[in-house]
Amino acid sequence: MDIPELSFDRYIVQLSDLYLGHPRNLSVDNNPVLPNNVCTRVLVTRADVIHSWSVPALTIKVDAIPGKLNRVLVTPTIPGIYVGMCREICGTGHRFMPIVVEVTRPAIFKY
């Protein structure tokens, strides 16, 4: 199933906005949600500088390059919250660029 026109931005949650139990420097305001046991194609690009999108527990690492559309296939098997970070120091304020992916059962998956 393709989800046309689905794109989003996410930003790190500032220290003053953190809730109890959220990890500092690893929480974002908008998590992508993927269904488990479903092969999902993720398309990645950027508007400004190169980023290296990485979530080790899902065995994902893909570069986001301005003007280029890269893709990665992922089939998560266990529902949960997976955390990663950008693997490039790509500019001022980018050293803590967290990536959080939520994996849920297909029956409750909504886009």
N, C-alpha and C. Protein backbone atom coordinates (compact mmCIF):
# COMPACT_ATOMS: atom_id res chain seq x y z
N MET A 1 0.85 -1.17 0.00
CA MET A 1 0.00 0.00 0.00
C MET A 1 0.90 1.23 0.00
N ASP A 2 0.72 2.09 -0.99
CA ASP A 2 1.42 3.37 -1.00
C ASP A 2 0.57 4.40 -0.29
N ILE A 3 1.24 5.29 0.43
CA ILE A 3 0.55 6.38 1.10
C ILE A 3 1.04 7.66 0.42
N PRO A 4 0.29 8.14 -0.59
CA PRO A 4 0.76 9.29 -1.35
C PRO A 4 0.78 10.56 -0.50
N GLU A 5 1.72 11.43 -0.84
CA GLU A 5 1.80 12.75 -0.20
C GLU A 5 2.06 12.70 1.30
N LEU A 6 2.56 11.60 1.82
CA LEU A 6 2.87 11.53 3.25
C LEU A 6 4.31 11.95 3.46
N SER A 7 4.47 13.05 4.15
CA SER A 7 5.80 13.51 4.53
C SER A 7 5.66 14.29 5.82
N PHE A 8 6.74 14.40 6.56
CA PHE A 8 6.66 15.13 7.81
C PHE A 8 8.04 15.57 8.25
N ASP A 9 8.04 16.54 9.11
CA ASP A 9 9.27 17.00 9.75
C ASP A 9 9.20 16.58 11.21
N ARG A 10 10.36 16.45 11.81
CA ARG A 10 10.38 16.17 13.24
C ARG A 10 11.49 16.98 13.86
N TYR A 11 11.28 17.33 15.11
CA TYR A 11 12.26 18.16 15.82
C TYR A 11 12.51 17.55 17.18
N ILE A 12 13.71 17.75 17.69
CA ILE A 12 14.07 17.26 19.02
C ILE A 12 13.20 17.95 20.06
N VAL A 13 12.77 17.21 21.06
CA VAL A 13 11.98 17.78 22.15
C VAL A 13 12.94 18.53 23.08
N GLN A 14 12.63 19.79 23.32
CA GLN A 14 13.47 20.62 24.18
C GLN A 14 13.38 20.15 25.63
N LEU A 15 14.42 20.40 26.39
CA LEU A 15 14.49 19.96 27.77
C LEU A 15 13.29 20.42 28.58
N SER A 16 12.82 21.64 28.34
CA SER A 16 11.68 22.18 29.10
C SER A 16 10.37 21.49 28.75
N ASP A 17 10.30 20.78 27.63
CA ASP A 17 9.06 20.11 27.19
C ASP A 17 9.06 18.61 27.41
N LEU A 18 10.13 18.06 27.99
CA LEU A 18 10.20 16.61 28.21
C LEU A 18 9.24 16.16 29.29
N TYR A 19 8.66 14.98 29.09
CA TYR A 19 7.84 14.34 30.10
C TYR A 19 8.70 13.34 30.87
N LEU A 20 8.27 12.99 32.05
CA LEU A 20 8.98 12.02 32.87
C LEU A 20 9.10 10.70 32.10
N GLY A 21 10.29 10.19 32.01
CA GLY A 21 10.53 8.92 31.33
C GLY A 21 11.00 9.06 29.89
N HIS A 22 10.89 10.24 29.30
CA HIS A 22 11.39 10.44 27.94
C HIS A 22 12.89 10.70 27.99
N PRO A 23 13.67 10.02 27.17
CA PRO A 23 15.12 10.22 27.22
C PRO A 23 15.53 11.58 26.65
N ARG A 24 16.39 12.26 27.38
CA ARG A 24 16.90 13.57 26.93
C ARG A 24 17.78 13.37 25.71
N ASN A 25 17.68 14.24 24.75
CA ASN A 25 18.41 14.23 23.49
C ASN A 25 18.05 13.06 22.57
N LEU A 26 17.07 12.25 22.93
CA LEU A 26 16.63 11.15 22.07
C LEU A 26 15.12 11.14 21.86
N SER A 27 14.43 12.21 22.22
CA SER A 27 12.98 12.30 22.04
C SER A 27 12.67 13.30 20.94
N VAL A 28 11.72 12.95 20.08
CA VAL A 28 11.30 13.84 19.00
C VAL A 28 9.80 14.10 19.11
N ASP A 29 9.34 15.13 18.41
CA ASP A 29 7.94 15.52 18.51
C ASP A 29 7.01 14.78 17.55
N ASN A 30 7.54 14.02 16.63
CA ASN A 30 6.70 13.39 15.60
C ASN A 30 7.34 12.07 15.17
N ASN A 31 6.89 10.96 15.72
CA ASN A 31 7.46 9.65 15.39
C ASN A 31 6.79 9.06 14.15
N PRO A 32 7.56 8.54 13.19
CA PRO A 32 6.93 7.74 12.15
C PRO A 32 6.50 6.40 12.75
N VAL A 33 5.38 5.87 12.27
CA VAL A 33 4.84 4.60 12.76
C VAL A 33 4.84 3.61 11.61
N LEU A 34 5.38 2.42 11.86
CA LEU A 34 5.42 1.35 10.86
C LEU A 34 4.70 0.13 11.39
N PRO A 35 4.05 -0.65 10.51
CA PRO A 35 3.44 -1.90 10.95
C PRO A 35 4.51 -3.00 11.04
N ASN A 36 4.38 -3.89 12.02
CA ASN A 36 5.35 -4.98 12.11
C ASN A 36 4.96 -6.11 11.15
N ASN A 37 5.96 -6.91 10.77
CA ASN A 37 5.82 -8.03 9.84
C ASN A 37 5.27 -7.61 8.47
N VAL A 38 5.48 -6.37 8.10
CA VAL A 38 5.09 -5.86 6.79
C VAL A 38 6.31 -5.17 6.19
N CYS A 39 6.71 -5.58 4.98
CA CYS A 39 7.83 -4.94 4.32
C CYS A 39 7.42 -3.53 3.92
N THR A 40 8.15 -2.55 4.40
CA THR A 40 7.82 -1.14 4.16
C THR A 40 8.98 -0.47 3.45
N ARG A 41 8.65 0.28 2.42
CA ARG A 41 9.65 1.06 1.69
C ARG A 41 9.63 2.49 2.24
N VAL A 42 10.78 2.94 2.71
CA VAL A 42 10.90 4.29 3.25
C VAL A 42 11.74 5.11 2.28
N LEU A 43 11.18 6.22 1.80
CA LEU A 43 11.90 7.11 0.91
C LEU A 43 12.44 8.28 1.72
N VAL A 44 13.70 8.63 1.49
CA VAL A 44 14.38 9.63 2.30
C VAL A 44 15.04 10.67 1.41
N THR A 45 14.85 11.95 1.73
CA THR A 45 15.56 13.04 1.09
C THR A 45 15.68 14.19 2.07
N ARG A 46 16.41 15.21 1.71
CA ARG A 46 16.59 16.39 2.56
C ARG A 46 16.51 17.64 1.70
N ALA A 47 16.24 18.76 2.34
CA ALA A 47 16.21 20.03 1.64
C ALA A 47 17.49 20.84 1.84
N ASP A 48 18.26 20.51 2.90
CA ASP A 48 19.39 21.37 3.21
C ASP A 48 20.75 20.68 3.10
N VAL A 49 21.11 19.82 4.03
CA VAL A 49 22.43 19.20 4.06
C VAL A 49 22.29 17.68 4.11
N ILE A 50 23.39 16.96 3.94
CA ILE A 50 23.37 15.50 3.99
C ILE A 50 23.16 15.03 5.43
N HIS A 51 22.27 14.09 5.61
CA HIS A 51 22.07 13.43 6.89
C HIS A 51 22.22 11.93 6.66
N SER A 52 22.54 11.20 7.69
CA SER A 52 22.68 9.76 7.60
C SER A 52 21.71 9.13 8.60
N TRP A 53 20.55 8.76 8.13
CA TRP A 53 19.43 8.28 8.94
C TRP A 53 19.73 6.84 9.36
N SER A 54 19.83 6.60 10.69
CA SER A 54 20.27 5.29 11.16
C SER A 54 19.47 4.85 12.38
N VAL A 55 18.92 3.63 12.30
CA VAL A 55 18.27 2.99 13.44
C VAL A 55 18.86 1.57 13.52
N PRO A 56 19.91 1.38 14.33
CA PRO A 56 20.63 0.11 14.34
C PRO A 56 19.77 -1.11 14.67
N ALA A 57 18.83 -1.01 15.60
CA ALA A 57 18.02 -2.17 15.98
C ALA A 57 17.12 -2.64 14.84
N LEU A 58 16.84 -1.77 13.88
CA LEU A 58 16.05 -2.16 12.71
C LEU A 58 16.94 -2.41 11.49
N THR A 59 18.23 -2.38 11.70
CA THR A 59 19.25 -2.54 10.66
C THR A 59 19.02 -1.58 9.49
N ILE A 60 18.75 -0.32 9.82
CA ILE A 60 18.54 0.72 8.82
C ILE A 60 19.68 1.73 8.91
N LYS A 61 20.24 2.06 7.75
CA LYS A 61 21.13 3.20 7.62
C LYS A 61 21.01 3.67 6.18
N VAL A 62 20.52 4.89 6.00
CA VAL A 62 20.34 5.44 4.66
C VAL A 62 20.69 6.92 4.70
N ASP A 63 21.35 7.38 3.64
CA ASP A 63 21.73 8.78 3.57
C ASP A 63 20.60 9.60 2.96
N ALA A 64 20.33 10.74 3.58
CA ALA A 64 19.37 11.70 3.06
C ALA A 64 20.17 12.82 2.40
N ILE A 65 20.06 12.92 1.08
CA ILE A 65 20.88 13.83 0.31
C ILE A 65 19.98 14.81 -0.43
N PRO A 66 20.27 16.12 -0.34
CA PRO A 66 19.45 17.10 -1.07
C PRO A 66 19.44 16.80 -2.57
N GLY A 67 18.26 16.81 -3.17
CA GLY A 67 18.13 16.57 -4.60
C GLY A 67 18.13 15.12 -5.01
N LYS A 68 18.27 14.20 -4.07
CA LYS A 68 18.29 12.77 -4.39
C LYS A 68 17.28 12.05 -3.51
N LEU A 69 16.59 11.08 -4.08
CA LEU A 69 15.61 10.29 -3.35
C LEU A 69 16.20 8.90 -3.11
N ASN A 70 16.51 8.59 -1.86
CA ASN A 70 17.03 7.26 -1.51
C ASN A 70 15.92 6.45 -0.86
N ARG A 71 16.06 5.14 -0.92
CA ARG A 71 15.04 4.29 -0.31
C ARG A 71 15.71 3.19 0.50
N VAL A 72 14.96 2.69 1.47
CA VAL A 72 15.40 1.55 2.27
C VAL A 72 14.16 0.70 2.55
N LEU A 73 14.34 -0.61 2.51
CA LEU A 73 13.25 -1.53 2.83
C LEU A 73 13.46 -2.03 4.25
N VAL A 74 12.39 -2.07 5.02
CA VAL A 74 12.47 -2.53 6.41
C VAL A 74 11.26 -3.40 6.71
N THR A 75 11.50 -4.49 7.43
CA THR A 75 10.42 -5.38 7.88
C THR A 75 10.61 -5.61 9.38
N PRO A 76 10.13 -4.68 10.21
CA PRO A 76 10.29 -4.87 11.66
C PRO A 76 9.44 -6.04 12.13
N THR A 77 9.98 -6.84 13.05
CA THR A 77 9.26 -8.03 13.51
C THR A 77 8.68 -7.91 14.92
N ILE A 78 9.19 -6.98 15.70
CA ILE A 78 8.75 -6.85 17.09
C ILE A 78 8.22 -5.44 17.31
N PRO A 79 6.95 -5.30 17.76
CA PRO A 79 6.43 -3.96 18.06
C PRO A 79 7.24 -3.29 19.18
N GLY A 80 7.33 -1.99 19.11
CA GLY A 80 8.05 -1.23 20.13
C GLY A 80 8.53 0.10 19.61
N ILE A 81 9.36 0.74 20.41
CA ILE A 81 9.96 2.03 20.06
C ILE A 81 11.44 1.80 19.77
N TYR A 82 11.90 2.24 18.62
CA TYR A 82 13.28 2.06 18.20
C TYR A 82 13.93 3.44 18.05
N VAL A 83 15.13 3.59 18.59
CA VAL A 83 15.79 4.88 18.63
C VAL A 83 17.10 4.81 17.86
N GLY A 84 17.38 5.86 17.12
CA GLY A 84 18.63 6.00 16.41
C GLY A 84 19.05 7.45 16.39
N MET A 85 20.08 7.75 15.63
CA MET A 85 20.56 9.12 15.50
C MET A 85 21.13 9.33 14.11
N CYS A 86 21.25 10.59 13.74
CA CYS A 86 21.96 10.94 12.52
C CYS A 86 23.44 10.60 12.74
N ARG A 87 24.05 9.97 11.77
CA ARG A 87 25.44 9.54 11.89
C ARG A 87 26.42 10.51 11.25
N GLU A 88 25.96 11.69 10.89
CA GLU A 88 26.82 12.71 10.30
C GLU A 88 26.74 13.97 11.16
N ILE A 89 27.84 14.68 11.30
CA ILE A 89 27.81 16.01 11.91
C ILE A 89 27.65 16.97 10.75
N CYS A 90 26.42 17.36 10.51
CA CYS A 90 26.07 18.02 9.26
C CYS A 90 25.83 19.52 9.40
N GLY A 91 26.05 20.08 10.57
CA GLY A 91 25.87 21.52 10.72
C GLY A 91 25.69 21.89 12.18
N THR A 92 25.61 23.17 12.44
CA THR A 92 25.42 23.68 13.79
C THR A 92 24.12 23.16 14.38
N GLY A 93 24.18 22.62 15.59
CA GLY A 93 22.98 22.12 16.25
C GLY A 93 22.54 20.75 15.78
N HIS A 94 23.31 20.12 14.92
CA HIS A 94 22.89 18.81 14.37
C HIS A 94 23.57 17.64 15.06
N ARG A 95 24.38 17.89 16.06
CA ARG A 95 25.11 16.76 16.66
C ARG A 95 24.18 15.82 17.42
N PHE A 96 23.04 16.33 17.91
CA PHE A 96 22.03 15.47 18.54
C PHE A 96 20.79 15.51 17.65
N MET A 97 20.76 14.70 16.62
CA MET A 97 19.59 14.62 15.77
C MET A 97 18.99 13.22 15.93
N PRO A 98 18.06 13.08 16.89
CA PRO A 98 17.52 11.75 17.17
C PRO A 98 16.53 11.30 16.11
N ILE A 99 16.39 9.99 16.01
CA ILE A 99 15.42 9.36 15.12
C ILE A 99 14.68 8.34 15.97
N VAL A 100 13.36 8.44 16.02
CA VAL A 100 12.54 7.52 16.80
C VAL A 100 11.50 6.92 15.86
N VAL A 101 11.43 5.61 15.80
CA VAL A 101 10.47 4.90 14.96
C VAL A 101 9.60 4.03 15.87
N GLU A 102 8.30 4.15 15.71
CA GLU A 102 7.37 3.33 16.49
C GLU A 102 6.87 2.20 15.58
N VAL A 103 6.93 0.97 16.07
CA VAL A 103 6.45 -0.19 15.32
C VAL A 103 5.24 -0.75 16.07
N THR A 104 4.15 -0.95 15.34
CA THR A 104 2.91 -1.41 15.94
C THR A 104 2.31 -2.55 15.13
N ARG A 105 1.33 -3.23 15.69
CA ARG A 105 0.66 -4.32 14.98
C ARG A 105 -0.10 -3.77 13.78
N PRO A 106 -0.15 -4.51 12.66
CA PRO A 106 -0.86 -4.02 11.47
C PRO A 106 -2.34 -3.72 11.74
N ALA A 107 -2.96 -4.46 12.66
CA ALA A 107 -4.38 -4.25 12.94
C ALA A 107 -4.67 -2.86 13.52
N ILE A 108 -3.71 -2.27 14.20
CA ILE A 108 -3.94 -0.94 14.77
C ILE A 108 -3.12 0.13 14.07
N PHE A 109 -2.44 -0.22 12.98
CA PHE A 109 -1.64 0.74 12.23
C PHE A 109 -2.54 1.73 11.52
N LYS A 110 -2.25 3.01 11.72
CA LYS A 110 -2.96 4.08 11.01
C LYS A 110 -1.91 5.03 10.48
N TYR A 111 -2.14 5.52 9.29
CA TYR A 111 -1.20 6.50 8.74
C TYR A 111 -1.83 7.86 8.75
